[in-house]
Amino acid sequence: MRFILGFILIAILHLQTGYACTNLIVTRGASTNGSTMLGYTNDAEYIYRIFTRSAMDYPAGDSVEFTSRYGIKGKIAQVRHTYGIIGFHMNEYQVAIGETTFTGRLELWNKSAFLEYWHLMELALLRAKTAREAIKVITDLVEQYGYASEGESISIIDPNEAWILEIVGTGTGGKGAVWVAMRIPDGAVSAHANRARIGEFPLNDPQNCLYSKNVIRFATEKGYYDPKKDGVFRFNDVYCPATPATLRYCETRVWSMFRRAAPSLNLSPDYHRGVKGAERYPLWIFPDKPLGLQDVFELLRDHYEGTPFDLTVGVAAGPFGNPNRNRPLQWKADTLTCAWERPISTFNTAFSFVAQARNQLPNEIGGVVWFGVDDTWFTCYFPIYCHNASVPHAFASGSLRKFSWESAWWVFNIVSNYANLRFSDISAEVRQKQSEIESVFLVRQDSIENMALNLQYKDRVNFLTDYSTACGDFVVDQWRNLALYLFTKYNDGYVKDATGVPVEAGYPVDYYNKVIEFEGVERYSLPEDFQVKHQPY
């Protein structure tokens, strides 16, 4: 018997948060160089240790055992051959996968089943050579064994196509699942963030849309949909009904990625603010210009800067424009329920990645996971190729219970958390370092890959493994030095100048004015003849 263990940490993650990720899909025709790309943020307070798993062969009649988060165990038949994978991100055929939980109707959560969504994601990578095959792997498995999770939106890409699969259960003791999958048209970008995004879908276009046989019938039987009165069947309206809270929490992130990828659309914020009758955001848009890797990195780095929802301004941001808000994001004020905005960049992120798949290159070169830990705003992405034999030690180690300079997650967290003390100033320095390093990696990519092309397969894999390891080690080493530099420069409210002399930095003028406005000038004003010749420590 074989046990698949790769997603134990994901199970732990889900128990801690369960409702907190963001996905961005860029099709080949929407990219600058023919790449299909998937951006994925995994937002939770835990340490994920990235891993590799080689392709393997199994004897006939073998099985695989799984356990749900509720302790339900079950076995499925093992296939004769599984493919190599990098984490639960990408396999050796450049198939990459991501997800966001939309929960949906809680009564459809089948807690008597054993296959969770993270099991299905890993199984798809282990068994599929294309995105379409991955959809079939997942949907065939739930048809036979059931589906144990709440509603999920799953992004799946390969070098040629990009899809979104949305899936919900059929309730405790139910069979199978209810699902629909849509192909994102070439030249378009799509996004989802904890809410089902597929609405109306074609029933007779298998090249672009796949769905379960029960998708409409089940909703009708449950009373979620009446074809005589409800008009066009929309998957998200039926299985994930919107509320003002979910629109604000989820659709704001989609709106912000879309508005930056295609400013010409001038998308209104009304829908994510819950304005009645507001126009919904489409499942996909066509960007104003093709997107490169750096563009995708930046689309994942956002606190709604420059919009009415900008988290870097206002009283809550403090004197230095800190966009991070401690959870919970909702609280009570007298009789009102209030909430902070939920941005794409959050300091609660465990890791994120941008998967890049390219059909013009051999799989071992074309498939890259640009990986980073901690907040997308402060992380530094480095490349891991999909056939790599190993990953950098710092990204495969660490414990949430104990700080360690050997763990990339802790090194990046010490920098990002320290930045919260004087965000506007320290953030600028971190972002400069981030830009410098990522730019070097991106500039070198073509030359590194051309060198790899001139090698035989085994040497190619070793070369790219060594290169990725060097990149990851370099990033962590630079961040260790950055942490010490920042702690030395910004200390005790002083900022050291170029010569190393501590200088009284004070607060921005706007902040002084806000203090006076809220607390009154009388509290801080001094007599006109008050003079200080020397202020001792």
Protein backbone atom coordinates (compact mmCIF):
# COMPACT_ATOMS: atom_id res chain seq x y z
CA MET A 1 0.00 0.00 0.00
CA ARG A 2 1.24 3.48 -0.87
CA PHE A 3 0.46 6.59 1.17
CA ILE A 4 0.37 10.04 -0.39
CA LEU A 5 1.56 12.44 2.28
CA GLY A 6 2.32 15.61 0.34
CA PHE A 7 -0.75 17.47 1.52
CA ILE A 8 -0.70 16.87 5.26
CA LEU A 9 0.39 20.47 5.77
CA ILE A 10 -2.33 21.70 3.47
CA ALA A 11 -4.87 19.91 5.61
CA ILE A 12 -3.47 21.68 8.66
CA LEU A 13 -3.58 24.95 6.79
CA HIS A 14 -7.20 24.47 5.88
CA LEU A 15 -8.20 23.80 9.45
CA GLN A 16 -6.53 27.06 10.46
CA THR A 17 -8.03 29.36 7.84
CA GLY A 18 -9.73 27.66 4.92
CA TYR A 19 -11.00 30.77 3.20
CA ALA A 20 -8.07 32.74 1.99
CA CYS A 21 -6.32 32.45 -1.35
CA THR A 22 -6.11 34.37 -4.63
CA ASN A 23 -5.54 33.04 -8.18
CA LEU A 24 -4.62 34.82 -11.41
CA ILE A 25 -4.55 33.08 -14.81
CA VAL A 26 -2.76 34.45 -17.89
CA THR A 27 -3.23 32.58 -21.17
CA ARG A 28 -0.52 32.20 -23.83
CA GLY A 29 -1.93 34.93 -26.05
CA ALA A 30 -2.07 37.36 -23.14
CA SER A 31 1.62 36.97 -22.28
CA THR A 32 4.64 38.66 -23.79
CA ASN A 33 6.41 35.43 -24.74
CA GLY A 34 3.78 32.74 -25.23
CA SER A 35 3.77 31.57 -21.61
CA THR A 36 0.70 30.29 -19.85
CA MET A 37 0.94 31.59 -16.28
CA LEU A 38 -0.79 30.92 -12.98
CA GLY A 39 -0.34 33.14 -9.94
CA TYR A 40 -1.35 31.61 -6.61
CA THR A 41 -1.20 32.99 -3.07
CA ASN A 42 -1.62 30.58 -0.17
CA ASP A 43 -2.67 32.80 2.70
CA ALA A 44 -2.33 31.31 6.17
CA GLU A 45 -0.05 31.33 9.19
CA TYR A 46 1.99 28.19 8.70
CA ILE A 47 5.32 27.11 7.23
CA TYR A 48 5.10 25.20 3.96
CA ARG A 49 8.18 23.15 3.12
CA ILE A 50 8.44 22.77 -0.64
CA PHE A 51 9.44 19.33 -1.89
CA THR A 52 10.13 17.28 -5.01
CA ARG A 53 8.75 13.85 -5.85
CA SER A 54 10.12 11.73 -8.68
CA ALA A 55 8.06 9.79 -11.19
CA MET A 56 7.28 6.30 -9.87
CA ASP A 57 5.97 2.93 -11.05
CA TYR A 58 3.56 0.78 -9.03
CA PRO A 59 2.48 -2.86 -9.21
CA ALA A 60 -0.90 -3.86 -10.52
CA GLY A 61 -3.59 -3.87 -7.84
CA ASP A 62 -1.85 -1.32 -5.62
CA SER A 63 -3.90 1.25 -3.73
CA VAL A 64 -3.54 4.64 -2.08
CA GLU A 65 -5.03 5.57 1.28
CA PHE A 66 -6.31 9.02 2.27
CA THR A 67 -7.74 10.54 5.42
CA SER A 68 -10.05 13.55 5.47
CA ARG A 69 -9.71 16.38 7.96
CA TYR A 70 -12.48 14.68 9.96
CA GLY A 71 -10.63 11.39 10.18
CA ILE A 72 -12.59 9.55 7.47
CA LYS A 73 -10.28 7.04 5.77
CA GLY A 74 -10.55 5.52 2.35
CA LYS A 75 -8.58 3.89 -0.46
CA ILE A 76 -8.47 4.45 -4.18
CA ALA A 77 -6.87 2.35 -6.88
CA GLN A 78 -3.29 3.33 -7.70
CA VAL A 79 -2.24 3.89 -11.31
CA ARG A 80 0.73 2.03 -12.73
CA HIS A 81 2.82 5.20 -13.20
CA THR A 82 2.82 8.64 -11.56
CA TYR A 83 4.62 11.75 -12.81
CA GLY A 84 7.26 13.82 -11.06
CA ILE A 85 6.06 16.92 -9.19
CA ILE A 86 7.43 20.08 -7.58
CA GLY A 87 5.42 20.60 -4.42
CA PHE A 88 1.72 20.64 -5.21
CA HIS A 89 2.39 23.28 -7.84
CA MET A 90 3.57 21.76 -11.13
CA ASN A 91 4.38 18.39 -12.62
CA GLU A 92 6.97 17.23 -15.14
CA TYR A 93 4.61 17.95 -18.06
CA GLN A 94 4.21 21.61 -17.04
CA VAL A 95 0.70 21.13 -15.65
CA ALA A 96 0.24 23.60 -12.78
CA ILE A 97 -2.59 23.94 -10.31
CA GLY A 98 -3.92 26.39 -7.72
CA GLU A 99 -7.13 26.94 -5.79
CA THR A 100 -9.34 29.22 -3.75
CA THR A 101 -12.07 28.04 -1.39
CA PHE A 102 -15.53 29.50 -1.98
CA THR A 103 -17.38 27.28 0.54
CA GLY A 104 -20.79 27.74 -1.10
CA ARG A 105 -23.82 26.05 0.42
CA LEU A 106 -22.61 24.44 3.64
CA GLU A 107 -25.26 21.72 3.52
CA LEU A 108 -23.51 20.33 0.43
CA TRP A 109 -20.28 19.66 2.33
CA ASN A 110 -20.00 15.87 2.37
CA LYS A 111 -18.15 15.18 5.61
CA SER A 112 -18.67 11.43 5.22
CA ALA A 113 -16.36 11.28 2.18
CA PHE A 114 -12.55 11.07 2.38
CA LEU A 115 -11.10 12.74 -0.76
CA GLU A 116 -10.36 16.38 0.04
CA TYR A 117 -9.59 19.01 -2.58
CA TRP A 118 -5.87 19.00 -1.76
CA HIS A 119 -5.76 15.23 -2.35
CA LEU A 120 -7.41 15.76 -5.72
CA MET A 121 -5.00 18.52 -6.71
CA GLU A 122 -2.00 16.32 -5.97
CA LEU A 123 -3.56 13.33 -7.74
CA ALA A 124 -4.19 15.49 -10.80
CA LEU A 125 -0.51 16.44 -10.97
CA LEU A 126 0.59 12.87 -10.41
CA ARG A 127 -1.66 11.49 -13.15
CA ALA A 128 -2.27 14.13 -15.84
CA LYS A 129 -0.21 15.37 -18.79
CA THR A 130 -2.57 18.24 -19.68
CA ALA A 131 -5.04 20.55 -17.97
CA ARG A 132 -7.93 18.69 -19.61
CA GLU A 133 -6.60 15.40 -18.31
CA ALA A 134 -6.29 16.94 -14.84
CA ILE A 135 -9.97 17.90 -14.91
CA LYS A 136 -10.88 14.35 -15.91
CA VAL A 137 -8.69 12.87 -13.16
CA ILE A 138 -10.40 15.01 -10.52
CA THR A 139 -13.95 14.59 -11.75
CA ASP A 140 -13.64 10.84 -12.36
CA LEU A 141 -12.30 10.36 -8.85
CA VAL A 142 -15.11 12.30 -7.17
CA GLU A 143 -17.67 10.48 -9.29
CA GLN A 144 -16.36 7.16 -7.99
CA TYR A 145 -15.30 8.04 -4.43
CA GLY A 146 -17.17 11.22 -3.53
CA TYR A 147 -15.92 14.70 -2.61
CA ALA A 148 -15.11 15.61 1.00
CA SER A 149 -14.46 19.37 0.84
CA GLU A 150 -16.49 22.55 0.63
CA GLY A 151 -16.77 24.49 -2.62
CA GLU A 152 -13.51 25.04 -4.51
CA SER A 153 -12.38 27.05 -7.52
CA ILE A 154 -9.38 25.27 -9.03
CA SER A 155 -7.05 26.85 -11.62
CA ILE A 156 -5.32 24.41 -13.96
CA ILE A 157 -2.88 25.36 -16.71
CA ASP A 158 -0.58 23.60 -19.15
CA PRO A 159 1.65 25.00 -21.92
CA ASN A 160 -1.36 25.41 -24.24
CA GLU A 161 -4.52 25.92 -22.20
CA ALA A 162 -5.90 27.37 -18.98
CA TRP A 163 -9.06 26.25 -17.18
CA ILE A 164 -11.09 26.99 -14.07
CA LEU A 165 -12.85 24.03 -12.45
CA GLU A 166 -15.48 24.78 -9.80
CA ILE A 167 -16.74 21.94 -7.67
CA VAL A 168 -19.10 21.39 -4.72
CA GLY A 169 -20.27 18.30 -2.88
CA THR A 170 -23.71 16.72 -2.68
CA GLY A 171 -24.14 16.68 1.09
CA THR A 172 -23.31 14.19 3.82
CA GLY A 173 -23.83 10.67 2.52
CA GLY A 174 -24.25 11.96 -1.03
CA LYS A 175 -22.57 10.55 -4.10
CA GLY A 176 -20.26 12.22 -6.56
CA ALA A 177 -20.02 16.01 -6.84
CA VAL A 178 -21.44 18.91 -8.82
CA TRP A 179 -18.98 20.74 -11.06
CA VAL A 180 -18.36 22.88 -14.12
CA ALA A 181 -15.10 23.71 -15.90
CA MET A 182 -14.49 26.57 -18.34
CA ARG A 183 -11.52 27.10 -20.63
CA ILE A 184 -10.16 30.65 -20.55
CA PRO A 185 -9.94 31.92 -24.16
CA ASP A 186 -6.48 32.48 -25.55
CA GLY A 187 -5.49 36.12 -25.13
CA ALA A 188 -7.52 36.53 -21.93
CA VAL A 189 -6.74 36.67 -18.22
CA SER A 190 -8.96 35.43 -15.41
CA ALA A 191 -8.98 35.53 -11.62
CA HIS A 192 -10.82 34.13 -8.63
CA ALA A 193 -10.62 34.83 -4.92
CA ASN A 194 -12.74 32.70 -2.57
CA ARG A 195 -15.94 32.96 -4.55
CA ALA A 196 -17.32 30.86 -7.41
CA ARG A 197 -16.78 32.82 -10.64
CA ILE A 198 -18.43 30.70 -13.34
CA GLY A 199 -21.92 31.97 -14.06
CA GLU A 200 -23.76 31.10 -17.25
CA PHE A 201 -22.01 28.42 -19.30
CA PRO A 202 -22.63 26.70 -22.67
CA LEU A 203 -24.19 23.24 -22.61
CA ASN A 204 -22.97 22.17 -26.06
CA ASP A 205 -19.34 23.29 -26.33
CA PRO A 206 -17.11 20.49 -24.99
CA GLN A 207 -14.00 22.17 -26.38
CA ASN A 208 -14.49 25.06 -23.99
CA CYS A 209 -16.85 23.86 -21.27
CA LEU A 210 -17.23 20.61 -19.33
CA TYR A 211 -19.72 19.90 -16.55
CA SER A 212 -21.25 17.14 -14.45
CA LYS A 213 -24.44 15.54 -15.71
CA ASN A 214 -26.24 16.54 -12.52
CA VAL A 215 -25.21 20.21 -12.44
CA ILE A 216 -28.69 21.58 -13.23
CA ARG A 217 -30.83 18.61 -12.19
CA PHE A 218 -29.34 18.50 -8.68
CA ALA A 219 -29.94 22.23 -8.13
CA THR A 220 -33.54 21.83 -9.28
CA GLU A 221 -34.13 18.86 -6.97
CA LYS A 222 -32.67 20.75 -4.01
CA GLY A 223 -34.83 23.80 -4.70
CA TYR A 224 -31.88 26.07 -5.48
CA TYR A 225 -33.07 26.68 -9.03
CA ASP A 226 -36.47 26.81 -10.72
CA PRO A 227 -36.08 26.82 -14.52
CA LYS A 228 -39.59 28.23 -14.92
CA LYS A 229 -38.94 31.30 -12.78
CA ASP A 230 -35.20 31.85 -12.38
CA GLY A 231 -34.16 32.36 -15.98
CA VAL A 232 -30.64 31.46 -17.13
CA PHE A 233 -28.84 28.93 -14.94
CA ARG A 234 -25.75 30.46 -13.35
CA PHE A 235 -23.49 28.08 -11.44
CA ASN A 236 -22.16 30.69 -8.99
CA ASP A 237 -25.58 32.16 -8.19
CA VAL A 238 -27.02 28.72 -7.55
CA TYR A 239 -24.21 27.03 -5.64
CA CYS A 240 -22.46 30.07 -4.12
CA PRO A 241 -25.08 32.80 -3.57
CA ALA A 242 -23.52 36.23 -3.14
CA THR A 243 -23.82 38.37 -0.04
CA PRO A 244 -22.51 41.91 0.48
CA ALA A 245 -19.83 40.43 2.76
CA THR A 246 -18.58 37.85 0.23
CA LEU A 247 -18.62 40.38 -2.60
CA ARG A 248 -16.51 42.78 -0.58
CA TYR A 249 -14.09 40.12 0.67
CA CYS A 250 -13.70 38.30 -2.64
CA GLU A 251 -14.66 40.33 -5.67
CA THR A 252 -12.62 43.37 -4.63
CA ARG A 253 -9.46 41.37 -5.31
CA VAL A 254 -10.71 40.26 -8.74
CA TRP A 255 -11.69 43.84 -9.58
CA SER A 256 -8.27 45.15 -8.57
CA MET A 257 -6.37 42.66 -10.73
CA PHE A 258 -8.67 43.31 -13.68
CA ARG A 259 -8.54 47.09 -13.33
CA ARG A 260 -4.74 47.06 -13.40
CA ALA A 261 -4.46 44.59 -16.27
CA ALA A 262 -7.00 46.52 -18.34
CA PRO A 263 -7.37 50.14 -17.14
CA SER A 264 -9.28 50.94 -20.34
CA LEU A 265 -12.26 48.91 -19.08
CA ASN A 266 -12.75 51.40 -16.25
CA LEU A 267 -14.40 48.69 -14.16
CA SER A 268 -16.75 50.08 -11.54
CA PRO A 269 -16.30 49.16 -7.89
CA ASP A 270 -20.09 49.04 -7.46
CA TYR A 271 -20.39 45.26 -7.76
CA HIS A 272 -17.85 44.43 -5.05
CA ARG A 273 -19.42 47.09 -2.84
CA GLY A 274 -22.76 45.26 -3.11
CA VAL A 275 -24.62 47.99 -5.00
CA LYS A 276 -27.94 46.53 -6.11
CA GLY A 277 -28.15 46.01 -9.87
CA ALA A 278 -24.42 46.62 -10.40
CA GLU A 279 -22.85 44.86 -13.38
CA ARG A 280 -20.98 41.66 -12.52
CA TYR A 281 -17.32 41.26 -13.38
CA PRO A 282 -16.74 38.88 -16.30
CA LEU A 283 -15.03 35.53 -15.83
CA TRP A 284 -12.19 36.80 -18.01
CA ILE A 285 -10.98 40.02 -19.60
CA PHE A 286 -8.51 40.90 -22.33
CA PRO A 287 -5.60 42.95 -20.96
CA ASP A 288 -4.65 46.28 -22.51
CA LYS A 289 -1.21 44.89 -23.32
CA PRO A 290 0.55 41.51 -23.03
CA LEU A 291 1.78 40.64 -19.56
CA GLY A 292 5.28 39.52 -18.62
CA LEU A 293 6.39 37.70 -15.51
CA GLN A 294 7.18 40.91 -13.67
CA ASP A 295 3.69 42.20 -14.50
CA VAL A 296 2.17 39.09 -12.95
CA PHE A 297 4.36 39.45 -9.87
CA GLU A 298 3.08 43.00 -9.45
CA LEU A 299 -0.57 42.06 -9.98
CA LEU A 300 -0.19 39.85 -6.91
CA ARG A 301 1.26 42.79 -4.97
CA ASP A 302 -1.59 45.10 -4.10
CA HIS A 303 -3.20 46.89 -1.17
CA TYR A 304 -5.61 48.79 -3.48
CA GLU A 305 -3.15 51.66 -3.72
CA GLY A 306 -4.58 54.69 -5.46
CA THR A 307 -8.21 53.64 -5.04
CA PRO A 308 -10.88 54.66 -2.50
CA PHE A 309 -10.06 51.41 -0.67
CA ASP A 310 -6.32 52.12 -0.31
CA LEU A 311 -5.08 50.49 2.88
CA THR A 312 -1.93 52.65 3.02
CA VAL A 313 -3.88 55.83 3.84
CA GLY A 314 -6.14 56.90 6.67
CA VAL A 315 -5.99 56.69 10.44
CA ALA A 316 -5.81 52.89 10.48
CA ALA A 317 -2.61 52.99 8.41
CA GLY A 318 -0.84 54.92 11.15
CA PRO A 319 1.87 57.51 10.58
CA PHE A 320 3.82 55.41 8.05
CA GLY A 321 1.10 54.06 5.78
CA ASN A 322 1.03 50.47 7.03
CA PRO A 323 -1.56 48.51 4.96
CA ASN A 324 -1.55 45.42 7.18
CA ARG A 325 -4.49 44.80 9.50
CA ASN A 326 -4.53 42.20 12.24
CA ARG A 327 -7.16 39.53 11.92
CA PRO A 328 -10.03 39.10 12.46
CA LEU A 329 -10.96 41.49 9.66
CA GLN A 330 -14.44 42.06 11.11
CA TRP A 331 -15.40 43.61 14.41
CA LYS A 332 -18.37 45.16 16.20
CA ALA A 333 -18.72 48.91 16.74
CA ASP A 334 -21.80 49.49 18.89
CA THR A 335 -24.59 47.90 16.84
CA LEU A 336 -22.67 47.93 13.56
CA THR A 337 -20.52 45.21 12.03
CA CYS A 338 -17.40 46.72 10.51
CA ALA A 339 -14.58 45.26 8.42
CA TRP A 340 -11.12 46.03 7.15
CA GLU A 341 -10.52 45.49 3.47
CA ARG A 342 -9.08 42.15 2.42
CA PRO A 343 -6.21 42.93 0.01
CA ILE A 344 -4.34 40.64 -2.39
CA SER A 345 -1.11 41.27 -0.48
CA THR A 346 -1.52 40.21 3.10
CA PHE A 347 1.14 39.62 5.72
CA ASN A 348 -0.62 36.34 6.56
CA THR A 349 0.60 34.66 3.37
CA ALA A 350 2.53 31.42 3.85
CA PHE A 351 3.83 31.27 0.28
CA SER A 352 2.95 32.20 -3.27
CA PHE A 353 4.12 31.27 -6.71
CA VAL A 354 3.79 32.12 -10.38
CA ALA A 355 3.86 29.01 -12.55
CA GLN A 356 5.13 29.49 -16.09
CA ALA A 357 4.43 26.88 -18.80
CA ARG A 358 5.84 27.14 -22.35
CA ASN A 359 5.16 24.83 -25.29
CA GLN A 360 8.14 26.09 -27.32
CA LEU A 361 10.63 24.49 -24.92
CA PRO A 362 11.25 20.99 -23.57
CA ASN A 363 9.25 20.33 -20.43
CA GLU A 364 12.29 20.37 -18.15
CA ILE A 365 13.07 23.94 -19.30
CA GLY A 366 9.62 25.27 -20.18
CA GLY A 367 8.02 24.59 -16.81
CA VAL A 368 9.07 26.95 -14.02
CA VAL A 369 7.64 27.69 -10.59
CA TRP A 370 8.65 31.18 -9.49
CA PHE A 371 8.42 30.65 -5.76
CA GLY A 372 8.36 32.96 -2.76
CA VAL A 373 7.48 32.78 0.93
CA ASP A 374 5.61 35.26 3.11
CA ASP A 375 3.82 38.41 1.93
CA THR A 376 3.72 38.90 -1.85
CA TRP A 377 4.57 42.57 -1.31
CA PHE A 378 7.91 41.69 0.30
CA THR A 379 8.77 38.28 -1.12
CA CYS A 380 11.40 37.74 -3.79
CA TYR A 381 10.52 35.19 -6.46
CA PHE A 382 13.16 32.80 -7.72
CA PRO A 383 12.89 30.01 -10.33
CA ILE A 384 12.45 26.29 -9.65
CA TYR A 385 12.31 24.18 -12.84
CA CYS A 386 9.74 21.41 -12.98
CA HIS A 387 12.21 18.51 -13.40
CA ASN A 388 14.55 19.72 -10.66
CA ALA A 389 15.90 16.96 -8.47
CA SER A 390 15.89 19.03 -5.27
CA VAL A 391 14.97 22.43 -3.81
CA PRO A 392 16.97 24.93 -1.72
CA HIS A 393 17.27 23.79 1.90
CA ALA A 394 15.98 27.06 3.40
CA PHE A 395 12.65 26.65 1.56
CA ALA A 396 12.25 23.05 2.70
CA SER A 397 12.80 23.59 6.41
CA GLY A 398 11.48 25.43 9.43
CA SER A 399 9.03 25.15 12.32
CA LEU A 400 6.31 27.61 13.26
CA ARG A 401 7.23 27.03 16.92
CA LYS A 402 10.85 28.21 16.69
CA PHE A 403 12.59 31.01 14.84
CA SER A 404 15.51 29.93 12.67
CA TRP A 405 17.86 31.81 10.35
CA GLU A 406 17.98 28.59 8.30
CA SER A 407 14.28 28.83 7.38
CA ALA A 408 13.39 31.13 4.47
CA TRP A 409 9.92 31.71 5.93
CA TRP A 410 11.35 33.07 9.16
CA VAL A 411 13.98 35.17 7.40
CA PHE A 412 11.39 36.84 5.18
CA ASN A 413 8.98 37.29 8.08
CA ILE A 414 11.53 39.05 10.25
CA VAL A 415 12.05 41.59 7.45
CA SER A 416 8.38 42.11 6.61
CA ASN A 417 7.25 42.32 10.24
CA TYR A 418 10.01 44.79 11.07
CA ALA A 419 8.84 46.88 8.12
CA ASN A 420 5.49 47.34 9.87
CA LEU A 421 7.20 49.67 12.36
CA ARG A 422 8.00 52.27 9.70
CA PHE A 423 6.30 50.85 6.65
CA SER A 424 6.62 53.63 4.09
CA ASP A 425 10.38 53.97 4.56
CA ILE A 426 11.39 50.35 5.14
CA SER A 427 9.03 49.03 2.47
CA ALA A 428 10.72 51.19 -0.13
CA GLU A 429 14.12 49.73 0.76
CA VAL A 430 12.87 46.14 0.71
CA ARG A 431 11.07 46.65 -2.58
CA GLN A 432 14.23 48.09 -4.11
CA LYS A 433 16.20 45.00 -3.10
CA GLN A 434 13.39 42.77 -4.35
CA SER A 435 13.33 44.54 -7.72
CA GLU A 436 17.10 44.34 -8.11
CA ILE A 437 17.22 40.58 -7.53
CA GLU A 438 14.11 39.63 -9.49
CA SER A 439 15.28 41.76 -12.41
CA VAL A 440 18.57 39.88 -12.51
CA PHE A 441 16.77 36.51 -12.50
CA LEU A 442 14.46 37.63 -15.30
CA VAL A 443 17.25 39.08 -17.42
CA ARG A 444 19.32 35.91 -17.02
CA GLN A 445 16.46 33.54 -17.80
CA ASP A 446 16.98 33.34 -21.58
CA SER A 447 20.74 32.83 -21.34
CA ILE A 448 20.43 30.19 -18.60
CA GLU A 449 17.82 28.30 -20.59
CA ASN A 450 19.83 28.52 -23.81
CA MET A 451 22.77 27.01 -21.95
CA ALA A 452 20.51 24.23 -20.72
CA LEU A 453 19.28 23.54 -24.25
CA ASN A 454 22.82 22.65 -25.29
CA LEU A 455 23.05 19.90 -22.67
CA GLN A 456 21.82 16.32 -22.62
CA TYR A 457 18.74 15.66 -20.49
CA LYS A 458 20.49 14.43 -17.32
CA ASP A 459 23.06 17.21 -17.41
CA ARG A 460 20.30 19.70 -18.19
CA VAL A 461 18.31 18.70 -15.11
CA ASN A 462 21.39 18.84 -12.90
CA PHE A 463 22.37 22.22 -14.32
CA LEU A 464 18.91 23.73 -13.73
CA THR A 465 18.69 22.16 -10.27
CA ASP A 466 22.03 23.71 -9.32
CA TYR A 467 20.97 27.05 -10.78
CA SER A 468 17.66 27.10 -8.89
CA THR A 469 19.39 26.12 -5.66
CA ALA A 470 21.93 28.91 -6.12
CA CYS A 471 19.12 31.42 -6.75
CA GLY A 472 17.19 30.33 -3.67
CA ASP A 473 20.28 30.33 -1.47
CA PHE A 474 21.25 33.76 -2.77
CA VAL A 475 17.81 35.23 -2.05
CA VAL A 476 17.76 33.97 1.53
CA ASP A 477 21.32 35.15 2.16
CA GLN A 478 20.45 38.60 0.82
CA TRP A 479 17.39 38.75 3.09
CA ARG A 480 19.42 37.78 6.14
CA ASN A 481 21.76 40.67 5.40
CA LEU A 482 18.79 42.92 4.70
CA ALA A 483 17.27 42.12 8.09
CA LEU A 484 20.46 43.09 9.90
CA TYR A 485 20.89 46.23 7.78
CA LEU A 486 17.32 47.40 8.45
CA PHE A 487 17.54 46.70 12.16
CA THR A 488 20.74 48.72 12.32
CA LYS A 489 19.48 51.64 10.27
CA TYR A 490 16.00 51.98 11.80
CA ASN A 491 16.42 51.78 15.55
CA ASP A 492 14.77 53.38 18.57
CA GLY A 493 12.86 55.84 16.38
CA TYR A 494 16.03 57.13 14.73
CA VAL A 495 17.16 56.63 11.13
CA LYS A 496 20.89 56.51 10.49
CA ASP A 497 22.19 58.77 7.74
CA ALA A 498 24.74 57.83 5.08
CA THR A 499 27.57 58.26 7.59
CA GLY A 500 25.89 56.04 10.19
CA VAL A 501 24.84 58.88 12.49
CA PRO A 502 21.36 58.48 14.10
CA VAL A 503 19.00 61.26 12.98
CA GLU A 504 15.68 62.20 14.59
CA ALA A 505 13.22 61.17 11.89
CA GLY A 506 9.95 62.07 13.63
CA TYR A 507 6.63 61.57 11.86
CA PRO A 508 5.14 62.81 8.56
CA VAL A 509 3.50 66.23 8.70
CA ASP A 510 0.11 64.74 7.83
CA TYR A 511 0.30 62.55 10.89
CA TYR A 512 1.08 65.49 13.19
CA ASN A 513 -1.94 67.28 11.73
CA LYS A 514 -4.17 64.24 12.34
CA VAL A 515 -3.04 64.08 15.96
CA ILE A 516 -3.97 67.70 16.46
CA GLU A 517 -7.28 67.21 14.66
CA PHE A 518 -8.34 64.23 16.79
CA GLU A 519 -6.88 65.20 20.15
CA GLY A 520 -6.89 68.98 20.08
CA VAL A 521 -4.06 71.44 19.73
CA GLU A 522 -4.27 72.39 23.40
CA ARG A 523 -2.85 69.07 24.52
CA TYR A 524 0.40 69.58 22.61
CA SER A 525 0.84 73.32 22.25
CA LEU A 526 3.56 75.17 24.14
CA PRO A 527 3.75 78.81 25.25
CA GLU A 528 5.00 81.16 22.54
CA ASP A 529 8.08 81.99 24.61
CA PHE A 530 8.91 78.35 25.30
CA GLN A 531 12.43 77.52 24.19
CA VAL A 532 14.56 74.41 24.46
CA LYS A 533 18.27 74.84 24.11
CA HIS A 534 19.06 71.18 24.66
CA GLN A 535 16.95 68.02 24.91
CA PRO A 536 18.78 65.40 26.97
CA TYR A 537 18.08 61.71 26.38
